[in-house]
Amino acid sequence: MTTVAQMIEWLKTLPKDAEVQCGVEETCGYGHYMRMTEVDFDASDILSFASPEDRAKYPNMGGRVIVQIRG
């Protein structure tokens, strides 16, 4: 598991003008492949399981917050 803090520290080591891309799975007929595309922050998700209700409903998530970066 990588935390946001770890990712920020790692990103600080990169050139400031470096481009960020993410992999997107494509399907073509029966074949699948991965293509790289720009990150779309508006399409990305932040899933929070921190509330008492969420902890009761999803006990295996244990108060986790998950960031899903999409392209």
PDB file of N, CA and C in Angstrom:
ATOM      1  N   MET A   1       0.852  -1.174   0.000  1.00  0.00           N
ATOM      2  CA  MET A   1       0.000   0.000   0.000  1.00  0.00           C
ATOM      3  C   MET A   1       0.899   1.238   0.000  1.00  0.00           C
ATOM      4  N   THR A   2       0.583   2.173  -0.843  1.00  0.00           N
ATOM      5  CA  THR A   2       1.294   3.445  -0.910  1.00  0.00           C
ATOM      6  C   THR A   2       0.370   4.541  -0.398  1.00  0.00           C
ATOM      7  N   THR A   3       0.858   5.359   0.517  1.00  0.00           N
ATOM      8  CA  THR A   3       0.042   6.447   1.045  1.00  0.00           C
ATOM      9  C   THR A   3       0.217   7.701   0.184  1.00  0.00           C
ATOM     10  N   VAL A   4      -0.700   8.644   0.333  1.00  0.00           N
ATOM     11  CA  VAL A   4      -0.604   9.913  -0.384  1.00  0.00           C
ATOM     12  C   VAL A   4       0.689  10.623   0.007  1.00  0.00           C
ATOM     13  N   ALA A   5       1.031  10.602   1.297  1.00  0.00           N
ATOM     14  CA  ALA A   5       2.259  11.260   1.760  1.00  0.00           C
ATOM     15  C   ALA A   5       3.490  10.659   1.085  1.00  0.00           C
ATOM     16  N   GLN A   6       3.538   9.330   0.962  1.00  0.00           N
ATOM     17  CA  GLN A   6       4.666   8.684   0.290  1.00  0.00           C
ATOM     18  C   GLN A   6       4.722   9.085  -1.183  1.00  0.00           C
ATOM     19  N   MET A   7       3.574   9.148  -1.822  1.00  0.00           N
ATOM     20  CA  MET A   7       3.534   9.502  -3.238  1.00  0.00           C
ATOM     21  C   MET A   7       3.979  10.952  -3.437  1.00  0.00           C
ATOM     22  N   ILE A   8       3.559  11.850  -2.553  1.00  0.00           N
ATOM     23  CA  ILE A   8       3.967  13.258  -2.658  1.00  0.00           C
ATOM     24  C   ILE A   8       5.475  13.376  -2.518  1.00  0.00           C
ATOM     25  N   GLU A   9       6.047  12.686  -1.539  1.00  0.00           N
ATOM     26  CA  GLU A   9       7.501  12.739  -1.352  1.00  0.00           C
ATOM     27  C   GLU A   9       8.229  12.198  -2.568  1.00  0.00           C
ATOM     28  N   TRP A  10       7.718  11.137  -3.159  1.00  0.00           N
ATOM     29  CA  TRP A  10       8.329  10.586  -4.361  1.00  0.00           C
ATOM     30  C   TRP A  10       8.205  11.566  -5.523  1.00  0.00           C
ATOM     31  N   LEU A  11       7.028  12.183  -5.681  1.00  0.00           N
ATOM     32  CA  LEU A  11       6.819  13.136  -6.770  1.00  0.00           C
ATOM     33  C   LEU A  11       7.758  14.335  -6.656  1.00  0.00           C
ATOM     34  N   LYS A  12       8.105  14.718  -5.428  1.00  0.00           N
ATOM     35  CA  LYS A  12       9.015  15.854  -5.220  1.00  0.00           C
ATOM     36  C   LYS A  12      10.401  15.587  -5.795  1.00  0.00           C
ATOM     37  N   THR A  13      10.767  14.319  -5.992  1.00  0.00           N
ATOM     38  CA  THR A  13      12.085  13.985  -6.523  1.00  0.00           C
ATOM     39  C   THR A  13      12.131  14.067  -8.045  1.00  0.00           C
ATOM     40  N   LEU A  14      10.997  14.231  -8.682  1.00  0.00           N
ATOM     41  CA  LEU A  14      10.921  14.253 -10.147  1.00  0.00           C
ATOM     42  C   LEU A  14      11.031  15.678 -10.675  1.00  0.00           C
ATOM     43  N   PRO A  15      11.416  15.836 -11.943  1.00  0.00           N
ATOM     44  CA  PRO A  15      11.430  17.174 -12.539  1.00  0.00           C
ATOM     45  C   PRO A  15      10.034  17.797 -12.492  1.00  0.00           C
ATOM     46  N   LYS A  16       9.976  19.087 -12.232  1.00  0.00           N
ATOM     47  CA  LYS A  16       8.680  19.767 -12.076  1.00  0.00           C
ATOM     48  C   LYS A  16       7.863  19.791 -13.359  1.00  0.00           C
ATOM     49  N   ASP A  17       8.514  19.635 -14.512  1.00  0.00           N
ATOM     50  CA  ASP A  17       7.781  19.659 -15.778  1.00  0.00           C
ATOM     51  C   ASP A  17       7.512  18.247 -16.315  1.00  0.00           C
ATOM     52  N   ALA A  18       7.731  17.224 -15.484  1.00  0.00           N
ATOM     53  CA  ALA A  18       7.451  15.845 -15.903  1.00  0.00           C
ATOM     54  C   ALA A  18       5.944  15.665 -16.087  1.00  0.00           C
ATOM     55  N   GLU A  19       5.569  14.892 -17.087  1.00  0.00           N
ATOM     56  CA  GLU A  19       4.155  14.625 -17.341  1.00  0.00           C
ATOM     57  C   GLU A  19       3.712  13.402 -16.557  1.00  0.00           C
ATOM     58  N   VAL A  20       2.468  13.424 -16.098  1.00  0.00           N
ATOM     59  CA  VAL A  20       1.903  12.301 -15.358  1.00  0.00           C
ATOM     60  C   VAL A  20       0.853  11.634 -16.230  1.00  0.00           C
ATOM     61  N   GLN A  21       0.971  10.319 -16.370  1.00  0.00           N
ATOM     62  CA  GLN A  21       0.006   9.548 -17.141  1.00  0.00           C
ATOM     63  C   GLN A  21      -0.447   8.355 -16.312  1.00  0.00           C
ATOM     64  N   CYS A  22      -1.560   7.775 -16.706  1.00  0.00           N
ATOM     65  CA  CYS A  22      -2.016   6.552 -16.047  1.00  0.00           C
ATOM     66  C   CYS A  22      -2.446   5.553 -17.119  1.00  0.00           C
ATOM     67  N   GLY A  23      -2.430   4.290 -16.743  1.00  0.00           N
ATOM     68  CA  GLY A  23      -2.806   3.241 -17.669  1.00  0.00           C
ATOM     69  C   GLY A  23      -4.318   3.057 -17.720  1.00  0.00           C
ATOM     70  N   VAL A  24      -4.838   2.892 -18.919  1.00  0.00           N
ATOM     71  CA  VAL A  24      -6.262   2.660 -19.124  1.00  0.00           C
ATOM     72  C   VAL A  24      -6.394   1.380 -19.946  1.00  0.00           C
ATOM     73  N   GLU A  25      -7.201   0.442 -19.456  1.00  0.00           N
ATOM     74  CA  GLU A  25      -7.382  -0.819 -20.175  1.00  0.00           C
ATOM     75  C   GLU A  25      -8.323  -0.614 -21.348  1.00  0.00           C
ATOM     76  N   GLU A  26      -7.921  -1.101 -22.496  1.00  0.00           N
ATOM     77  CA  GLU A  26      -8.724  -1.025 -23.710  1.00  0.00           C
ATOM     78  C   GLU A  26      -9.086  -2.438 -24.156  1.00  0.00           C
ATOM     79  N   THR A  27     -10.260  -2.584 -24.752  1.00  0.00           N
ATOM     80  CA  THR A  27     -10.687  -3.869 -25.302  1.00  0.00           C
ATOM     81  C   THR A  27     -10.889  -3.703 -26.795  1.00  0.00           C
ATOM     82  N   CYS A  28     -10.313  -4.608 -27.558  1.00  0.00           N
ATOM     83  CA  CYS A  28     -10.450  -4.591 -29.008  1.00  0.00           C
ATOM     84  C   CYS A  28     -10.779  -6.008 -29.443  1.00  0.00           C
ATOM     85  N   GLY A  29     -12.038  -6.261 -29.731  1.00  0.00           N
ATOM     86  CA  GLY A  29     -12.460  -7.622 -30.058  1.00  0.00           C
ATOM     87  C   GLY A  29     -12.290  -8.506 -28.832  1.00  0.00           C
ATOM     88  N   TYR A  30     -11.490  -9.546 -28.962  1.00  0.00           N
ATOM     89  CA  TYR A  30     -11.214 -10.430 -27.840  1.00  0.00           C
ATOM     90  C   TYR A  30      -9.927 -10.054 -27.117  1.00  0.00           C
ATOM     91  N   GLY A  31      -9.240  -9.060 -27.622  1.00  0.00           N
ATOM     92  CA  GLY A  31      -7.963  -8.680 -27.036  1.00  0.00           C
ATOM     93  C   GLY A  31      -8.096  -7.521 -26.059  1.00  0.00           C
ATOM     94  N   HIS A  32      -7.200  -7.503 -25.106  1.00  0.00           N
ATOM     95  CA  HIS A  32      -7.133  -6.411 -24.131  1.00  0.00           C
ATOM     96  C   HIS A  32      -5.716  -5.866 -24.130  1.00  0.00           C
ATOM     97  N   TYR A  33      -5.601  -4.571 -24.000  1.00  0.00           N
ATOM     98  CA  TYR A  33      -4.282  -3.974 -23.892  1.00  0.00           C
ATOM     99  C   TYR A  33      -4.372  -2.722 -23.035  1.00  0.00           C
ATOM    100  N   MET A  34      -3.224  -2.224 -22.628  1.00  0.00           N
ATOM    101  CA  MET A  34      -3.159  -1.044 -21.774  1.00  0.00           C
ATOM    102  C   MET A  34      -2.594   0.110 -22.596  1.00  0.00           C
ATOM    103  N   ARG A  35      -3.251   1.247 -22.525  1.00  0.00           N
ATOM    104  CA  ARG A  35      -2.709   2.445 -23.160  1.00  0.00           C
ATOM    105  C   ARG A  35      -2.502   3.493 -22.074  1.00  0.00           C
ATOM    106  N   MET A  36      -1.566   4.370 -22.297  1.00  0.00           N
ATOM    107  CA  MET A  36      -1.269   5.425 -21.343  1.00  0.00           C
ATOM    108  C   MET A  36      -1.998   6.695 -21.770  1.00  0.00           C
ATOM    109  N   THR A  37      -2.546   7.417 -20.793  1.00  0.00           N
ATOM    110  CA  THR A  37      -3.284   8.646 -21.075  1.00  0.00           C
ATOM    111  C   THR A  37      -3.062   9.632 -19.932  1.00  0.00           C
ATOM    112  N   GLU A  38      -3.435  10.883 -20.172  1.00  0.00           N
ATOM    113  CA  GLU A  38      -3.306  11.911 -19.139  1.00  0.00           C
ATOM    114  C   GLU A  38      -4.235  11.611 -17.973  1.00  0.00           C
ATOM    115  N   VAL A  39      -3.841  12.056 -16.793  1.00  0.00           N
ATOM    116  CA  VAL A  39      -4.681  11.890 -15.606  1.00  0.00           C
ATOM    117  C   VAL A  39      -5.855  12.858 -15.696  1.00  0.00           C
ATOM    118  N   ASP A  40      -7.045  12.361 -15.401  1.00  0.00           N
ATOM    119  CA  ASP A  40      -8.259  13.179 -15.373  1.00  0.00           C
ATOM    120  C   ASP A  40      -8.711  13.272 -13.920  1.00  0.00           C
ATOM    121  N   PHE A  41      -8.326  14.356 -13.245  1.00  0.00           N
ATOM    122  CA  PHE A  41      -8.655  14.492 -11.831  1.00  0.00           C
ATOM    123  C   PHE A  41     -10.165  14.508 -11.590  1.00  0.00           C
ATOM    124  N   ASP A  42     -10.929  15.076 -12.532  1.00  0.00           N
ATOM    125  CA  ASP A  42     -12.384  15.122 -12.365  1.00  0.00           C
ATOM    126  C   ASP A  42     -13.001  13.730 -12.428  1.00  0.00           C
ATOM    127  N   ALA A  43     -12.377  12.813 -13.144  1.00  0.00           N
ATOM    128  CA  ALA A  43     -12.896  11.449 -13.249  1.00  0.00           C
ATOM    129  C   ALA A  43     -12.377  10.547 -12.133  1.00  0.00           C
ATOM    130  N   SER A  44     -11.380  11.015 -11.390  1.00  0.00           N
ATOM    131  CA  SER A  44     -10.802  10.220 -10.307  1.00  0.00           C
ATOM    132  C   SER A  44     -11.748  10.196  -9.108  1.00  0.00           C
ATOM    133  N   ASP A  45     -11.573   9.179  -8.280  1.00  0.00           N
ATOM    134  CA  ASP A  45     -12.472   8.993  -7.134  1.00  0.00           C
ATOM    135  C   ASP A  45     -11.702   9.008  -5.821  1.00  0.00           C
ATOM    136  N   ILE A  46     -12.341   9.528  -4.778  1.00  0.00           N
ATOM    137  CA  ILE A  46     -11.840   9.420  -3.416  1.00  0.00           C
ATOM    138  C   ILE A  46     -12.904   8.674  -2.635  1.00  0.00           C
ATOM    139  N   LEU A  47     -12.562   7.483  -2.201  1.00  0.00           N
ATOM    140  CA  LEU A  47     -13.492   6.627  -1.465  1.00  0.00           C
ATOM    141  C   LEU A  47     -13.126   6.669   0.011  1.00  0.00           C
ATOM    142  N   SER A  48     -14.019   7.173   0.831  1.00  0.00           N
ATOM    143  CA  SER A  48     -13.757   7.291   2.267  1.00  0.00           C
ATOM    144  C   SER A  48     -14.655   6.339   3.040  1.00  0.00           C
ATOM    145  N   PHE A  49     -14.045   5.544   3.885  1.00  0.00           N
ATOM    146  CA  PHE A  49     -14.771   4.617   4.749  1.00  0.00           C
ATOM    147  C   PHE A  49     -14.490   4.975   6.203  1.00  0.00           C
ATOM    148  N   ALA A  50     -14.408   6.278   6.484  1.00  0.00           N
ATOM    149  CA  ALA A  50     -13.981   6.749   7.793  1.00  0.00           C
ATOM    150  C   ALA A  50     -15.122   6.990   8.781  1.00  0.00           C
ATOM    151  N   SER A  51     -16.334   7.170   8.294  1.00  0.00           N
ATOM    152  CA  SER A  51     -17.432   7.477   9.216  1.00  0.00           C
ATOM    153  C   SER A  51     -17.822   6.229  10.013  1.00  0.00           C
ATOM    154  N   PRO A  52     -18.429   6.420  11.179  1.00  0.00           N
ATOM    155  CA  PRO A  52     -18.886   5.262  11.962  1.00  0.00           C
ATOM    156  C   PRO A  52     -19.864   4.380  11.183  1.00  0.00           C
ATOM    157  N   GLU A  53     -20.718   4.997  10.358  1.00  0.00           N
ATOM    158  CA  GLU A  53     -21.662   4.228   9.556  1.00  0.00           C
ATOM    159  C   GLU A  53     -20.935   3.358   8.534  1.00  0.00           C
ATOM    160  N   ASP A  54     -19.932   3.948   7.878  1.00  0.00           N
ATOM    161  CA  ASP A  54     -19.156   3.190   6.895  1.00  0.00           C
ATOM    162  C   ASP A  54     -18.359   2.070   7.550  1.00  0.00           C
ATOM    163  N   ARG A  55     -17.813   2.338   8.738  1.00  0.00           N
ATOM    164  CA  ARG A  55     -17.055   1.303   9.448  1.00  0.00           C
ATOM    165  C   ARG A  55     -17.959   0.122   9.797  1.00  0.00           C
ATOM    166  N   ALA A  56     -19.217   0.416  10.147  1.00  0.00           N
ATOM    167  CA  ALA A  56     -20.161  -0.653  10.482  1.00  0.00           C
ATOM    168  C   ALA A  56     -20.590  -1.411   9.219  1.00  0.00           C
ATOM    169  N   LYS A  57     -20.800  -0.667   8.127  1.00  0.00           N
ATOM    170  CA  LYS A  57     -21.278  -1.284   6.889  1.00  0.00           C
ATOM    171  C   LYS A  57     -20.167  -2.044   6.156  1.00  0.00           C
ATOM    172  N   TYR A  58     -18.940  -1.507   6.224  1.00  0.00           N
ATOM    173  CA  TYR A  58     -17.790  -2.110   5.529  1.00  0.00           C
ATOM    174  C   TYR A  58     -16.653  -2.346   6.533  1.00  0.00           C
ATOM    175  N   PRO A  59     -16.815  -3.305   7.441  1.00  0.00           N
ATOM    176  CA  PRO A  59     -15.803  -3.490   8.489  1.00  0.00           C
ATOM    177  C   PRO A  59     -14.418  -3.859   7.950  1.00  0.00           C
ATOM    178  N   ASN A  60     -14.352  -4.495   6.797  1.00  0.00           N
ATOM    179  CA  ASN A  60     -13.040  -4.868   6.252  1.00  0.00           C
ATOM    180  C   ASN A  60     -12.273  -3.671   5.699  1.00  0.00           C
ATOM    181  N   MET A  61     -12.945  -2.538   5.517  1.00  0.00           N
ATOM    182  CA  MET A  61     -12.265  -1.348   5.017  1.00  0.00           C
ATOM    183  C   MET A  61     -11.668  -0.533   6.168  1.00  0.00           C
ATOM    184  N   GLY A  62     -12.120  -0.746   7.386  1.00  0.00           N
ATOM    185  CA  GLY A  62     -11.496  -0.208   8.594  1.00  0.00           C
ATOM    186  C   GLY A  62     -11.124   1.255   8.594  1.00  0.00           C
ATOM    187  N   GLY A  63     -11.985   2.126   8.107  1.00  0.00           N
ATOM    188  CA  GLY A  63     -11.696   3.562   8.142  1.00  0.00           C
ATOM    189  C   GLY A  63     -10.741   4.035   7.072  1.00  0.00           C
ATOM    190  N   ARG A  64     -10.513   3.250   6.049  1.00  0.00           N
ATOM    191  CA  ARG A  64      -9.570   3.606   4.998  1.00  0.00           C
ATOM    192  C   ARG A  64     -10.119   4.699   4.080  1.00  0.00           C
ATOM    193  N   VAL A  65      -9.221   5.467   3.500  1.00  0.00           N
ATOM    194  CA  VAL A  65      -9.543   6.418   2.447  1.00  0.00           C
ATOM    195  C   VAL A  65      -8.708   5.993   1.242  1.00  0.00           C
ATOM    196  N   ILE A  66      -9.365   5.761   0.097  1.00  0.00           N
ATOM    197  CA  ILE A  66      -8.702   5.265  -1.101  1.00  0.00           C
ATOM    198  C   ILE A  66      -8.857   6.271  -2.223  1.00  0.00           C
ATOM    199  N   VAL A  67      -7.737   6.589  -2.878  1.00  0.00           N
ATOM    200  CA  VAL A  67      -7.741   7.487  -4.024  1.00  0.00           C
ATOM    201  C   VAL A  67      -7.565   6.636  -5.270  1.00  0.00           C
ATOM    202  N   GLN A  68      -8.523   6.715  -6.198  1.00  0.00           N
ATOM    203  CA  GLN A  68      -8.448   5.990  -7.463  1.00  0.00           C
ATOM    204  C   GLN A  68      -8.212   7.025  -8.568  1.00  0.00           C
ATOM    205  N   ILE A  69      -7.004   7.001  -9.130  1.00  0.00           N
ATOM    206  CA  ILE A  69      -6.627   7.967 -10.172  1.00  0.00           C
ATOM    207  C   ILE A  69      -7.013   7.373 -11.520  1.00  0.00           C
ATOM    208  N   ARG A  70      -7.755   8.150 -12.302  1.00  0.00           N
ATOM    209  CA  ARG A  70      -8.258   7.681 -13.598  1.00  0.00           C
ATOM    210  C   ARG A  70      -7.776   8.585 -14.723  1.00  0.00           C
ATOM    211  N   GLY A  71      -7.852   8.035 -15.924  1.00  0.00           N
ATOM    212  CA  GLY A  71      -7.474   8.793 -17.111  1.00  0.00           C
ATOM    213  C   GLY A  71      -8.655   9.028 -17.997  1.00  0.00           C
TER     214      GLY A  71
END
